[in-house]
Amino acid sequence: MTADTPLGPLDDDHYPAYTMGRAAEMLGTTPAFLRAVGEARLITPLRSEGGHRRYSRYQLKVAARARELVDQGTPVEAACRIVVLEDQLDEARRVNEDLHRAANESRPGTGA
């Protein structure tokens, strides 16, 4: 395989590869915690044909951040809201940087 060849599901951060038990084990938490962040709508696991929850690497990263906050004493609902707000702030910063870059490139004498 070359660097340009996709690995299919193995290359996809959003592929629901992990069972609830394995996801909880990887995060060092319990299935109840994963259900709680799901109920708070921080992450929405996909369901297998048998109805079992499946989590992606991306979802595990998000849940891990919520777990950090919970471990610091933040209630689960508040931790989930904080994670959502952090994500929105990161996206707003990216958009702002892109707009500044585009504005600078369109100015005469800036190399564009």
C-alpha atoms as a PDB file:
ATOM      1  CA  MET A   1       0.000   0.000   0.000  1.00  0.00           C
ATOM      2  CA  THR A   2       1.184   3.498  -0.743  1.00  0.00           C
ATOM      3  CA  ALA A   3       0.710   6.536   1.462  1.00  0.00           C
ATOM      4  CA  ASP A   4      -2.147   7.598  -0.833  1.00  0.00           C
ATOM      5  CA  THR A   5      -4.022   4.297  -0.522  1.00  0.00           C
ATOM      6  CA  PRO A   6      -6.847   4.528   1.984  1.00  0.00           C
ATOM      7  CA  LEU A   7      -6.992   1.778   4.565  1.00  0.00           C
ATOM      8  CA  GLY A   8     -10.773   1.796   4.539  1.00  0.00           C
ATOM      9  CA  PRO A   9     -12.308   1.592   8.005  1.00  0.00           C
ATOM     10  CA  LEU A  10      -8.873   1.419   9.649  1.00  0.00           C
ATOM     11  CA  ASP A  11      -8.063   4.865   8.270  1.00  0.00           C
ATOM     12  CA  ASP A  12     -11.374   6.441   9.301  1.00  0.00           C
ATOM     13  CA  ASP A  13     -11.544   8.177  12.710  1.00  0.00           C
ATOM     14  CA  HIS A  14     -15.333   8.046  12.467  1.00  0.00           C
ATOM     15  CA  TYR A  15     -15.639   4.308  11.809  1.00  0.00           C
ATOM     16  CA  PRO A  16     -17.538   2.677  14.721  1.00  0.00           C
ATOM     17  CA  ALA A  17     -14.974   0.005  15.505  1.00  0.00           C
ATOM     18  CA  TYR A  18     -15.188  -0.351  19.294  1.00  0.00           C
ATOM     19  CA  THR A  19     -17.776  -2.100  21.431  1.00  0.00           C
ATOM     20  CA  MET A  20     -18.975  -0.408  24.577  1.00  0.00           C
ATOM     21  CA  GLY A  21     -16.899  -2.722  26.770  1.00  0.00           C
ATOM     22  CA  ARG A  22     -13.729  -2.170  24.761  1.00  0.00           C
ATOM     23  CA  ALA A  23     -14.331   1.593  24.581  1.00  0.00           C
ATOM     24  CA  ALA A  24     -14.832   1.790  28.355  1.00  0.00           C
ATOM     25  CA  GLU A  25     -11.692  -0.269  28.897  1.00  0.00           C
ATOM     26  CA  MET A  26      -9.656   1.983  26.592  1.00  0.00           C
ATOM     27  CA  LEU A  27     -10.867   5.081  28.455  1.00  0.00           C
ATOM     28  CA  GLY A  28     -10.413   3.511  31.871  1.00  0.00           C
ATOM     29  CA  THR A  29     -14.044   4.124  32.702  1.00  0.00           C
ATOM     30  CA  THR A  30     -17.320   2.209  32.853  1.00  0.00           C
ATOM     31  CA  PRO A  31     -20.043   1.514  30.308  1.00  0.00           C
ATOM     32  CA  ALA A  32     -22.310   3.636  32.538  1.00  0.00           C
ATOM     33  CA  PHE A  33     -20.075   6.654  31.848  1.00  0.00           C
ATOM     34  CA  LEU A  34     -20.370   6.085  28.094  1.00  0.00           C
ATOM     35  CA  ARG A  35     -24.145   5.796  28.426  1.00  0.00           C
ATOM     36  CA  ALA A  36     -24.176   9.056  30.437  1.00  0.00           C
ATOM     37  CA  VAL A  37     -22.240  11.028  27.812  1.00  0.00           C
ATOM     38  CA  GLY A  38     -24.542   9.526  25.196  1.00  0.00           C
ATOM     39  CA  GLU A  39     -27.611  10.616  27.151  1.00  0.00           C
ATOM     40  CA  ALA A  40     -26.067  14.098  27.415  1.00  0.00           C
ATOM     41  CA  ARG A  41     -25.769  13.952  23.602  1.00  0.00           C
ATOM     42  CA  LEU A  42     -22.043  14.567  23.583  1.00  0.00           C
ATOM     43  CA  ILE A  43     -21.554  11.473  21.436  1.00  0.00           C
ATOM     44  CA  THR A  44     -24.042   9.250  19.670  1.00  0.00           C
ATOM     45  CA  PRO A  45     -22.728   5.743  19.154  1.00  0.00           C
ATOM     46  CA  LEU A  46     -23.800   3.850  16.101  1.00  0.00           C
ATOM     47  CA  ARG A  47     -25.671   0.616  16.579  1.00  0.00           C
ATOM     48  CA  SER A  48     -24.683  -2.769  15.221  1.00  0.00           C
ATOM     49  CA  GLU A  49     -27.275  -4.912  13.483  1.00  0.00           C
ATOM     50  CA  GLY A  50     -27.813  -6.585  16.845  1.00  0.00           C
ATOM     51  CA  GLY A  51     -28.444  -3.204  18.520  1.00  0.00           C
ATOM     52  CA  HIS A  52     -25.104  -2.976  20.352  1.00  0.00           C
ATOM     53  CA  ARG A  53     -23.370   0.389  20.696  1.00  0.00           C
ATOM     54  CA  ARG A  54     -20.248   0.947  18.605  1.00  0.00           C
ATOM     55  CA  TYR A  55     -17.840   3.839  19.106  1.00  0.00           C
ATOM     56  CA  SER A  56     -15.326   5.496  16.783  1.00  0.00           C
ATOM     57  CA  ARG A  57     -11.846   6.763  17.644  1.00  0.00           C
ATOM     58  CA  TYR A  58     -13.134  10.313  17.318  1.00  0.00           C
ATOM     59  CA  GLN A  59     -15.950   9.617  19.790  1.00  0.00           C
ATOM     60  CA  LEU A  60     -13.468   8.090  22.218  1.00  0.00           C
ATOM     61  CA  LYS A  61     -11.298  11.224  22.040  1.00  0.00           C
ATOM     62  CA  VAL A  62     -14.331  13.376  22.826  1.00  0.00           C
ATOM     63  CA  ALA A  63     -15.420  11.085  25.673  1.00  0.00           C
ATOM     64  CA  ALA A  64     -11.859  11.079  27.056  1.00  0.00           C
ATOM     65  CA  ARG A  65     -11.923  14.881  27.306  1.00  0.00           C
ATOM     66  CA  ALA A  66     -15.248  14.713  29.162  1.00  0.00           C
ATOM     67  CA  ARG A  67     -13.786  12.098  31.473  1.00  0.00           C
ATOM     68  CA  GLU A  68     -10.866  14.407  32.318  1.00  0.00           C
ATOM     69  CA  LEU A  69     -13.336  17.075  33.404  1.00  0.00           C
ATOM     70  CA  VAL A  70     -15.440  14.595  35.387  1.00  0.00           C
ATOM     71  CA  ASP A  71     -12.291  13.336  37.119  1.00  0.00           C
ATOM     72  CA  GLN A  72     -11.643  16.955  38.161  1.00  0.00           C
ATOM     73  CA  GLY A  73     -15.069  17.106  39.809  1.00  0.00           C
ATOM     74  CA  THR A  74     -17.227  18.512  37.015  1.00  0.00           C
ATOM     75  CA  PRO A  75     -20.689  16.941  36.733  1.00  0.00           C
ATOM     76  CA  VAL A  76     -21.156  14.839  33.574  1.00  0.00           C
ATOM     77  CA  GLU A  77     -23.754  17.164  31.996  1.00  0.00           C
ATOM     78  CA  ALA A  78     -21.546  20.214  32.579  1.00  0.00           C
ATOM     79  CA  ALA A  79     -18.455  18.388  31.302  1.00  0.00           C
ATOM     80  CA  CYS A  80     -20.294  17.490  28.104  1.00  0.00           C
ATOM     81  CA  ARG A  81     -21.364  21.108  27.599  1.00  0.00           C
ATOM     82  CA  ILE A  82     -17.799  22.318  28.177  1.00  0.00           C
ATOM     83  CA  VAL A  83     -16.466  19.872  25.581  1.00  0.00           C
ATOM     84  CA  VAL A  84     -19.038  21.090  23.042  1.00  0.00           C
ATOM     85  CA  LEU A  85     -18.121  24.723  23.741  1.00  0.00           C
ATOM     86  CA  GLU A  86     -14.394  23.964  23.463  1.00  0.00           C
ATOM     87  CA  ASP A  87     -15.024  22.338  20.092  1.00  0.00           C
ATOM     88  CA  GLN A  88     -17.055  25.333  18.905  1.00  0.00           C
ATOM     89  CA  LEU A  89     -14.309  27.705  20.040  1.00  0.00           C
ATOM     90  CA  ASP A  90     -11.644  25.690  18.200  1.00  0.00           C
ATOM     91  CA  GLU A  91     -13.741  25.765  15.027  1.00  0.00           C
ATOM     92  CA  ALA A  92     -14.331  29.519  15.332  1.00  0.00           C
ATOM     93  CA  ARG A  93     -10.588  30.065  15.725  1.00  0.00           C
ATOM     94  CA  ARG A  94      -9.875  27.977  12.616  1.00  0.00           C
ATOM     95  CA  VAL A  95     -12.434  29.944  10.592  1.00  0.00           C
ATOM     96  CA  ASN A  96     -11.015  33.239  11.887  1.00  0.00           C
ATOM     97  CA  GLU A  97      -7.466  32.213  10.931  1.00  0.00           C
ATOM     98  CA  ASP A  98      -8.644  31.165   7.466  1.00  0.00           C
ATOM     99  CA  LEU A  99     -10.436  34.496   6.967  1.00  0.00           C
ATOM    100  CA  HIS A 100      -7.369  36.470   8.084  1.00  0.00           C
ATOM    101  CA  ARG A 101      -5.145  34.422   5.794  1.00  0.00           C
ATOM    102  CA  ALA A 102      -7.488  34.944   2.831  1.00  0.00           C
ATOM    103  CA  ALA A 103      -7.730  38.681   3.531  1.00  0.00           C
ATOM    104  CA  ASN A 104      -3.931  39.009   3.710  1.00  0.00           C
ATOM    105  CA  GLU A 105      -3.478  37.044   0.478  1.00  0.00           C
ATOM    106  CA  SER A 106      -5.935  39.263  -1.392  1.00  0.00           C
ATOM    107  CA  ARG A 107      -4.183  42.519  -0.416  1.00  0.00           C
ATOM    108  CA  PRO A 108      -1.907  44.040  -3.053  1.00  0.00           C
ATOM    109  CA  GLY A 109       1.780  43.607  -2.305  1.00  0.00           C
ATOM    110  CA  THR A 110       1.341  40.617   0.021  1.00  0.00           C
ATOM    111  CA  GLY A 111       2.647  38.044  -2.406  1.00  0.00           C
ATOM    112  CA  ALA A 112      -0.699  36.868  -3.771  1.00  0.00           C
END
